[in-house]
Each structure stands twice: as C-alpha cells, then as structure tokens.
Amino acid sequence: MHRKTNIAYELPSTVKSLNDNWLTTYQCSAILAAAFAEIEIHFLSFVKDNMNFQQDHLESPARHALVILTYCALFLFIGAAASGLILTDEFGELPVRASRRSDLTQRGLFEKGSLDLLQSYGAKQSSVWVSPIIVGLFSLIAGIVSLLAQVLLYVMLEESHAAKITLSVVGLYAVLPLLHFIPRPWGSNRRNNIVNSY
C-alpha cells in the first residue's frame, strides 16, 4: 500500500536551505569528478605512448609509477562521480519523503547535527564507513592528489631543472585547500572531523 503524499507540503526554510546546499554540493562534485575522469582517460593514453618520454625513461620505475597513479586516479574519480549521483538522487527525493510523514517538527529547536536533521525529514540512514558521503569525499580528494602527483612526476621525468623547482612549489600550493579536510585533534575548538562537523 502506497503512503499518502501531501502535494502542498513545503520543507521548513532551514531544512530546505540545508538540503539545497547538500544537493548543489553533490551535483557539482559529480560533474567535477566526471570531468576529471575524462582528463585521466586522455592522460592515460598520453603516458602509455612511448613517444612522450625520453628513451632512458621508457622502462624506469617512475614511468611505471606514473601509469599506476593514472589508473588509480581514474578509478577514484569514477567512484566519486557515482557517489555524487547517488547523493544527488538521495537529497533530491527528500522533499517527497518528508511530504509523506506526519511526525515532523515544523518549528522550534533541533539539538543534533545537520545530517540528523535531514534524516528526521526522510534522508536515509547509513553506516558512516560505507556512506557515499565519506566514499565520495575521500575518492575526490585522493583523485585530485593523484592527479597533481602525476603531473609533478611527469615534470620530474621530462622537464628542465628550473621547471621542476617552479612547478613543485606551485603543486604544493595547489594542495593547500585540501588541508581543510584533515581531521583536527579532539581537544581543538575547530572542526574535529568531517562527520562530526555536520
């Protein structure tokens, strides 16, 4: 038997804003991961072509490491894109699920985290370790780090000494925003980790 849907129901403004933010985040992450996966496909064909390397680097361990990093990044970006699509669907359906519930709090205070609030309005509960949120975030960050490592490794193999120094500094600078996702010590007043901050 199908549950009745209140077609006139609207999420409270705070819940709607929170849901819209998550929805936008995972739509963007899915698009970004798919674009990076396409880049990795082209880069894979590039690193497999012997014409793009000096003769003495063709069988070097660094060349093999470059190929492995490219495959890893490709798989990570595919996983991140899949997670983004799953979560886009999950948060996109939240208003419909909420419209089928009669036990929702429409006003007042909610004392738990934002994910708990969304779950109370119909978002599915899942184990932290298998959650697409954690898998998607880890895959996207690890994929980006792998992509930067590939570029730097190719630079180390084929470019001039000046280019190696310059691009190493630029590469380290490009990684700085990812430090935001590193968990903080439990005693810190800042965010402790990704899950607890939500």
C-alpha atoms as a PDB file:
ATOM      1  CA  MET A   1       0.000   0.000   0.000  1.00  0.00           C
ATOM      2  CA  HIS A   2       1.389   3.399  -1.023  1.00  0.00           C
ATOM      3  CA  ARG A   3       1.778   6.104   1.590  1.00  0.00           C
ATOM      4  CA  LYS A   4      -0.188   9.285   1.000  1.00  0.00           C
ATOM      5  CA  THR A   5       1.750  12.268  -0.293  1.00  0.00           C
ATOM      6  CA  ASN A   6       0.863  15.805   0.722  1.00  0.00           C
ATOM      7  CA  ILE A   7       1.452  17.570  -2.607  1.00  0.00           C
ATOM      8  CA  ALA A   8       1.158  21.023  -0.984  1.00  0.00           C
ATOM      9  CA  TYR A   9       3.842  20.303   1.620  1.00  0.00           C
ATOM     10  CA  GLU A  10       6.929  22.519   1.753  1.00  0.00           C
ATOM     11  CA  LEU A  11      10.070  21.948   3.780  1.00  0.00           C
ATOM     12  CA  PRO A  12      10.792  24.474   6.544  1.00  0.00           C
ATOM     13  CA  SER A  13      13.158  27.169   5.273  1.00  0.00           C
ATOM     14  CA  THR A  14      16.145  25.971   7.336  1.00  0.00           C
ATOM     15  CA  VAL A  15      15.729  22.358   6.211  1.00  0.00           C
ATOM     16  CA  LYS A  16      15.186  23.438   2.589  1.00  0.00           C
ATOM     17  CA  SER A  17      18.324  25.591   2.636  1.00  0.00           C
ATOM     18  CA  LEU A  18      20.364  22.769   4.154  1.00  0.00           C
ATOM     19  CA  ASN A  19      19.027  20.227   1.663  1.00  0.00           C
ATOM     20  CA  ASP A  20      19.594  22.569  -1.293  1.00  0.00           C
ATOM     21  CA  ASN A  21      23.197  23.149  -0.188  1.00  0.00           C
ATOM     22  CA  TRP A  22      23.909  19.415   0.015  1.00  0.00           C
ATOM     23  CA  LEU A  23      22.159  18.847  -3.310  1.00  0.00           C
ATOM     24  CA  THR A  24      24.209  21.538  -5.056  1.00  0.00           C
ATOM     25  CA  THR A  25      27.424  20.257  -3.486  1.00  0.00           C
ATOM     26  CA  TYR A  26      26.930  16.714  -4.763  1.00  0.00           C
ATOM     27  CA  GLN A  27      25.694  17.776  -8.175  1.00  0.00           C
ATOM     28  CA  CYS A  28      28.884  19.818  -8.570  1.00  0.00           C
ATOM     29  CA  SER A  29      31.077  17.017  -7.208  1.00  0.00           C
ATOM     30  CA  ALA A  30      29.578  14.515  -9.653  1.00  0.00           C
ATOM     31  CA  ILE A  31      30.199  16.867 -12.591  1.00  0.00           C
ATOM     32  CA  LEU A  32      33.718  17.698 -11.396  1.00  0.00           C
ATOM     33  CA  ALA A  33      34.623  14.035 -10.844  1.00  0.00           C
ATOM     34  CA  ALA A  34      33.284  13.088 -14.286  1.00  0.00           C
ATOM     35  CA  ALA A  35      35.333  15.866 -15.902  1.00  0.00           C
ATOM     36  CA  PHE A  36      38.463  14.726 -14.056  1.00  0.00           C
ATOM     37  CA  ALA A  37      37.791  11.119 -15.128  1.00  0.00           C
ATOM     38  CA  GLU A  38      37.706  12.261 -18.744  1.00  0.00           C
ATOM     39  CA  ILE A  39      41.003  14.102 -18.250  1.00  0.00           C
ATOM     40  CA  GLU A  40      42.518  10.925 -16.783  1.00  0.00           C
ATOM     41  CA  ILE A  41      41.424   8.900 -19.817  1.00  0.00           C
ATOM     42  CA  HIS A  42      43.325  11.308 -22.081  1.00  0.00           C
ATOM     43  CA  PHE A  43      46.295  11.381 -19.727  1.00  0.00           C
ATOM     44  CA  LEU A  44      46.377   7.580 -19.663  1.00  0.00           C
ATOM     45  CA  SER A  45      46.734   7.439 -23.438  1.00  0.00           C
ATOM     46  CA  PHE A  46      49.442  10.093 -23.152  1.00  0.00           C
ATOM     47  CA  VAL A  47      51.542   8.223 -20.577  1.00  0.00           C
ATOM     48  CA  LYS A  48      51.171   4.916 -22.439  1.00  0.00           C
ATOM     49  CA  ASP A  49      52.680   6.474 -25.580  1.00  0.00           C
ATOM     50  CA  ASN A  50      56.447   5.963 -25.670  1.00  0.00           C
ATOM     51  CA  MET A  51      56.855   8.990 -27.933  1.00  0.00           C
ATOM     52  CA  ASN A  52      56.140  11.271 -24.947  1.00  0.00           C
ATOM     53  CA  PHE A  53      59.173  10.067 -22.952  1.00  0.00           C
ATOM     54  CA  GLN A  54      62.917  10.122 -23.367  1.00  0.00           C
ATOM     55  CA  GLN A  55      64.418   6.780 -24.315  1.00  0.00           C
ATOM     56  CA  ASP A  56      66.126   6.226 -20.953  1.00  0.00           C
ATOM     57  CA  HIS A  57      62.818   6.759 -19.095  1.00  0.00           C
ATOM     58  CA  LEU A  58      60.755   4.198 -21.006  1.00  0.00           C
ATOM     59  CA  GLU A  59      61.301   1.363 -18.530  1.00  0.00           C
ATOM     60  CA  SER A  60      62.052   3.428 -15.424  1.00  0.00           C
ATOM     61  CA  PRO A  61      60.210   2.806 -12.125  1.00  0.00           C
ATOM     62  CA  ALA A  62      58.969   6.417 -12.241  1.00  0.00           C
ATOM     63  CA  ARG A  63      57.272   5.749 -15.591  1.00  0.00           C
ATOM     64  CA  HIS A  64      55.538   2.674 -14.150  1.00  0.00           C
ATOM     65  CA  ALA A  65      54.516   4.686 -11.081  1.00  0.00           C
ATOM     66  CA  LEU A  66      53.038   7.320 -13.382  1.00  0.00           C
ATOM     67  CA  VAL A  67      50.901   4.718 -15.162  1.00  0.00           C
ATOM     68  CA  ILE A  68      49.724   3.249 -11.829  1.00  0.00           C
ATOM     69  CA  LEU A  69      48.831   6.710 -10.465  1.00  0.00           C
ATOM     70  CA  THR A  70      46.848   7.435 -13.617  1.00  0.00           C
ATOM     71  CA  TYR A  71      44.802   4.247 -13.297  1.00  0.00           C
ATOM     72  CA  CYS A  72      44.236   4.909  -9.582  1.00  0.00           C
ATOM     73  CA  ALA A  73      43.047   8.464 -10.204  1.00  0.00           C
ATOM     74  CA  LEU A  74      40.718   7.279 -12.965  1.00  0.00           C
ATOM     75  CA  PHE A  75      39.059   4.715 -10.679  1.00  0.00           C
ATOM     76  CA  LEU A  76      38.858   7.204  -7.801  1.00  0.00           C
ATOM     77  CA  PHE A  77      37.131   9.811  -9.967  1.00  0.00           C
ATOM     78  CA  ILE A  78      34.674   7.214 -11.280  1.00  0.00           C
ATOM     79  CA  GLY A  79      33.848   6.296  -7.661  1.00  0.00           C
ATOM     80  CA  ALA A  80      33.444   9.964  -6.713  1.00  0.00           C
ATOM     81  CA  ALA A  81      31.139  10.591  -9.680  1.00  0.00           C
ATOM     82  CA  ALA A  82      28.994   7.568  -8.781  1.00  0.00           C
ATOM     83  CA  SER A  83      28.776   8.704  -5.148  1.00  0.00           C
ATOM     84  CA  GLY A  84      27.799  12.197  -6.275  1.00  0.00           C
ATOM     85  CA  LEU A  85      24.994  10.810  -8.433  1.00  0.00           C
ATOM     86  CA  ILE A  86      23.695   8.607  -5.610  1.00  0.00           C
ATOM     87  CA  LEU A  87      23.680  11.518  -3.176  1.00  0.00           C
ATOM     88  CA  THR A  88      22.096  13.881  -5.712  1.00  0.00           C
ATOM     89  CA  ASP A  89      19.240  11.406  -6.018  1.00  0.00           C
ATOM     90  CA  GLU A  90      19.071  10.971  -2.238  1.00  0.00           C
ATOM     91  CA  PHE A  91      18.802  14.660  -1.407  1.00  0.00           C
ATOM     92  CA  GLY A  92      16.624  15.358  -4.441  1.00  0.00           C
ATOM     93  CA  GLU A  93      13.963  12.984  -3.105  1.00  0.00           C
ATOM     94  CA  LEU A  94      13.964  14.408   0.425  1.00  0.00           C
ATOM     95  CA  PRO A  95      11.001  16.817  -0.073  1.00  0.00           C
ATOM     96  CA  VAL A  96       8.828  13.950  -1.367  1.00  0.00           C
ATOM     97  CA  ARG A  97       9.780  11.686   1.533  1.00  0.00           C
ATOM     98  CA  ALA A  98       9.086  14.482   4.022  1.00  0.00           C
ATOM     99  CA  SER A  99       5.663  15.092   2.461  1.00  0.00           C
ATOM    100  CA  ARG A 100       4.696  11.504   3.325  1.00  0.00           C
ATOM    101  CA  ARG A 101       5.485  11.860   7.029  1.00  0.00           C
ATOM    102  CA  SER A 102       3.157  13.156   9.703  1.00  0.00           C
ATOM    103  CA  ASP A 103       5.590  13.299  12.627  1.00  0.00           C
ATOM    104  CA  LEU A 104       7.809  16.163  11.501  1.00  0.00           C
ATOM    105  CA  THR A 105       8.829  19.142  13.611  1.00  0.00           C
ATOM    106  CA  GLN A 106       7.903  22.290  11.707  1.00  0.00           C
ATOM    107  CA  ARG A 107       9.232  24.822  14.241  1.00  0.00           C
ATOM    108  CA  GLY A 108      11.309  25.061  17.392  1.00  0.00           C
ATOM    109  CA  LEU A 109      14.851  23.913  18.116  1.00  0.00           C
ATOM    110  CA  PHE A 110      16.696  20.824  16.886  1.00  0.00           C
ATOM    111  CA  GLU A 111      19.628  19.834  19.075  1.00  0.00           C
ATOM    112  CA  LYS A 112      21.525  17.410  16.793  1.00  0.00           C
ATOM    113  CA  GLY A 113      23.688  17.846  13.680  1.00  0.00           C
ATOM    114  CA  SER A 114      22.564  18.814  10.205  1.00  0.00           C
ATOM    115  CA  LEU A 115      22.669  15.241   8.876  1.00  0.00           C
ATOM    116  CA  ASP A 116      20.457  14.151  11.780  1.00  0.00           C
ATOM    117  CA  LEU A 117      18.042  16.940  10.896  1.00  0.00           C
ATOM    118  CA  LEU A 118      17.863  15.798   7.280  1.00  0.00           C
ATOM    119  CA  GLN A 119      17.419  12.178   8.384  1.00  0.00           C
ATOM    120  CA  SER A 120      14.491  13.212  10.559  1.00  0.00           C
ATOM    121  CA  TYR A 121      12.895  14.624   7.391  1.00  0.00           C
ATOM    122  CA  GLY A 122      13.371  11.456   5.368  1.00  0.00           C
ATOM    123  CA  ALA A 123      17.021  11.145   4.357  1.00  0.00           C
ATOM    124  CA  LYS A 124      18.091   7.517   4.608  1.00  0.00           C
ATOM    125  CA  GLN A 125      20.398   6.484   7.434  1.00  0.00           C
ATOM    126  CA  SER A 126      23.560   4.597   6.529  1.00  0.00           C
ATOM    127  CA  SER A 127      26.686   3.406   8.276  1.00  0.00           C
ATOM    128  CA  VAL A 128      29.441   6.028   8.374  1.00  0.00           C
ATOM    129  CA  TRP A 129      32.078   3.755   6.844  1.00  0.00           C
ATOM    130  CA  VAL A 130      30.039   2.752   3.797  1.00  0.00           C
ATOM    131  CA  SER A 131      28.254   6.056   3.370  1.00  0.00           C
ATOM    132  CA  PRO A 132      28.526   7.579  -0.113  1.00  0.00           C
ATOM    133  CA  ILE A 133      29.335  10.864   1.620  1.00  0.00           C
ATOM    134  CA  ILE A 134      32.603   9.505   3.027  1.00  0.00           C
ATOM    135  CA  VAL A 135      33.424   7.406  -0.067  1.00  0.00           C
ATOM    136  CA  GLY A 136      32.700  10.302  -2.422  1.00  0.00           C
ATOM    137  CA  LEU A 137      34.709  12.830  -0.433  1.00  0.00           C
ATOM    138  CA  PHE A 138      37.702  10.514   0.014  1.00  0.00           C
ATOM    139  CA  SER A 139      37.645   9.473  -3.658  1.00  0.00           C
ATOM    140  CA  LEU A 140      37.506  13.049  -4.910  1.00  0.00           C
ATOM    141  CA  ILE A 141      40.321  14.269  -2.634  1.00  0.00           C
ATOM    142  CA  ALA A 142      42.512  11.216  -3.308  1.00  0.00           C
ATOM    143  CA  GLY A 143      41.875  11.559  -7.036  1.00  0.00           C
ATOM    144  CA  ILE A 144      42.900  15.218  -7.028  1.00  0.00           C
ATOM    145  CA  VAL A 145      46.081  14.413  -5.082  1.00  0.00           C
ATOM    146  CA  SER A 146      46.830  11.587  -7.558  1.00  0.00           C
ATOM    147  CA  LEU A 147      46.295  13.938 -10.494  1.00  0.00           C
ATOM    148  CA  LEU A 148      48.699  16.511  -9.051  1.00  0.00           C
ATOM    149  CA  ALA A 149      51.221  13.751  -8.304  1.00  0.00           C
ATOM    150  CA  GLN A 150      51.012  12.539 -11.912  1.00  0.00           C
ATOM    151  CA  VAL A 151      51.710  15.983 -13.316  1.00  0.00           C
ATOM    152  CA  LEU A 152      54.618  16.543 -10.920  1.00  0.00           C
ATOM    153  CA  LEU A 153      56.062  13.100 -11.646  1.00  0.00           C
ATOM    154  CA  TYR A 154      55.948  13.752 -15.390  1.00  0.00           C
ATOM    155  CA  VAL A 155      57.622  17.126 -14.807  1.00  0.00           C
ATOM    156  CA  MET A 156      60.364  15.421 -12.788  1.00  0.00           C
ATOM    157  CA  LEU A 157      60.944  12.958 -15.608  1.00  0.00           C
ATOM    158  CA  GLU A 158      60.866  15.188 -18.652  1.00  0.00           C
ATOM    159  CA  GLU A 159      61.204  18.884 -17.831  1.00  0.00           C
ATOM    160  CA  SER A 160      64.142  21.178 -17.103  1.00  0.00           C
ATOM    161  CA  HIS A 161      65.582  21.749 -13.626  1.00  0.00           C
ATOM    162  CA  ALA A 162      64.014  25.243 -13.426  1.00  0.00           C
ATOM    163  CA  ALA A 163      60.603  23.838 -14.386  1.00  0.00           C
ATOM    164  CA  LYS A 164      60.927  21.108 -11.758  1.00  0.00           C
ATOM    165  CA  ILE A 165      61.549  23.617  -8.970  1.00  0.00           C
ATOM    166  CA  THR A 166      58.869  26.079 -10.079  1.00  0.00           C
ATOM    167  CA  LEU A 167      56.144  23.512 -10.660  1.00  0.00           C
ATOM    168  CA  SER A 168      56.919  21.680  -7.412  1.00  0.00           C
ATOM    169  CA  VAL A 169      56.251  24.898  -5.477  1.00  0.00           C
ATOM    170  CA  VAL A 170      53.073  25.576  -7.478  1.00  0.00           C
ATOM    171  CA  GLY A 171      51.939  21.967  -6.952  1.00  0.00           C
ATOM    172  CA  LEU A 172      52.372  22.218  -3.179  1.00  0.00           C
ATOM    173  CA  TYR A 173      50.455  25.494  -3.203  1.00  0.00           C
ATOM    174  CA  ALA A 174      47.617  23.846  -5.143  1.00  0.00           C
ATOM    175  CA  VAL A 175      47.254  21.180  -2.432  1.00  0.00           C
ATOM    176  CA  LEU A 176      46.768  23.705   0.399  1.00  0.00           C
ATOM    177  CA  PRO A 177      42.940  23.926   0.109  1.00  0.00           C
ATOM    178  CA  LEU A 178      42.734  20.167   0.707  1.00  0.00           C
ATOM    179  CA  LEU A 179      44.171  20.685   4.211  1.00  0.00           C
ATOM    180  CA  HIS A 180      40.684  21.881   5.184  1.00  0.00           C
ATOM    181  CA  PHE A 181      39.554  18.242   5.167  1.00  0.00           C
ATOM    182  CA  ILE A 182      42.242  16.929   7.519  1.00  0.00           C
ATOM    183  CA  PRO A 183      40.666  15.972  10.889  1.00  0.00           C
ATOM    184  CA  ARG A 184      41.622  18.200  13.837  1.00  0.00           C
ATOM    185  CA  PRO A 185      42.615  16.941  17.300  1.00  0.00           C
ATOM    186  CA  TRP A 186      39.654  16.139  19.550  1.00  0.00           C
ATOM    187  CA  GLY A 187      40.577  18.901  22.017  1.00  0.00           C
ATOM    188  CA  SER A 188      40.521  21.619  19.359  1.00  0.00           C
ATOM    189  CA  ASN A 189      37.749  24.201  19.181  1.00  0.00           C
ATOM    190  CA  ARG A 190      37.828  23.899  15.408  1.00  0.00           C
ATOM    191  CA  ARG A 191      36.033  21.182  13.442  1.00  0.00           C
ATOM    192  CA  ASN A 192      37.117  17.775  14.688  1.00  0.00           C
ATOM    193  CA  ASN A 193      36.349  15.748  11.616  1.00  0.00           C
ATOM    194  CA  ILE A 194      34.200  15.620   8.519  1.00  0.00           C
ATOM    195  CA  VAL A 195      31.382  13.566  10.003  1.00  0.00           C
ATOM    196  CA  ASN A 196      31.061  15.303  13.348  1.00  0.00           C
ATOM    197  CA  SER A 197      31.091  18.748  11.762  1.00  0.00           C
ATOM    198  CA  TYR A 198      27.756  18.008  10.147  1.00  0.00           C
END
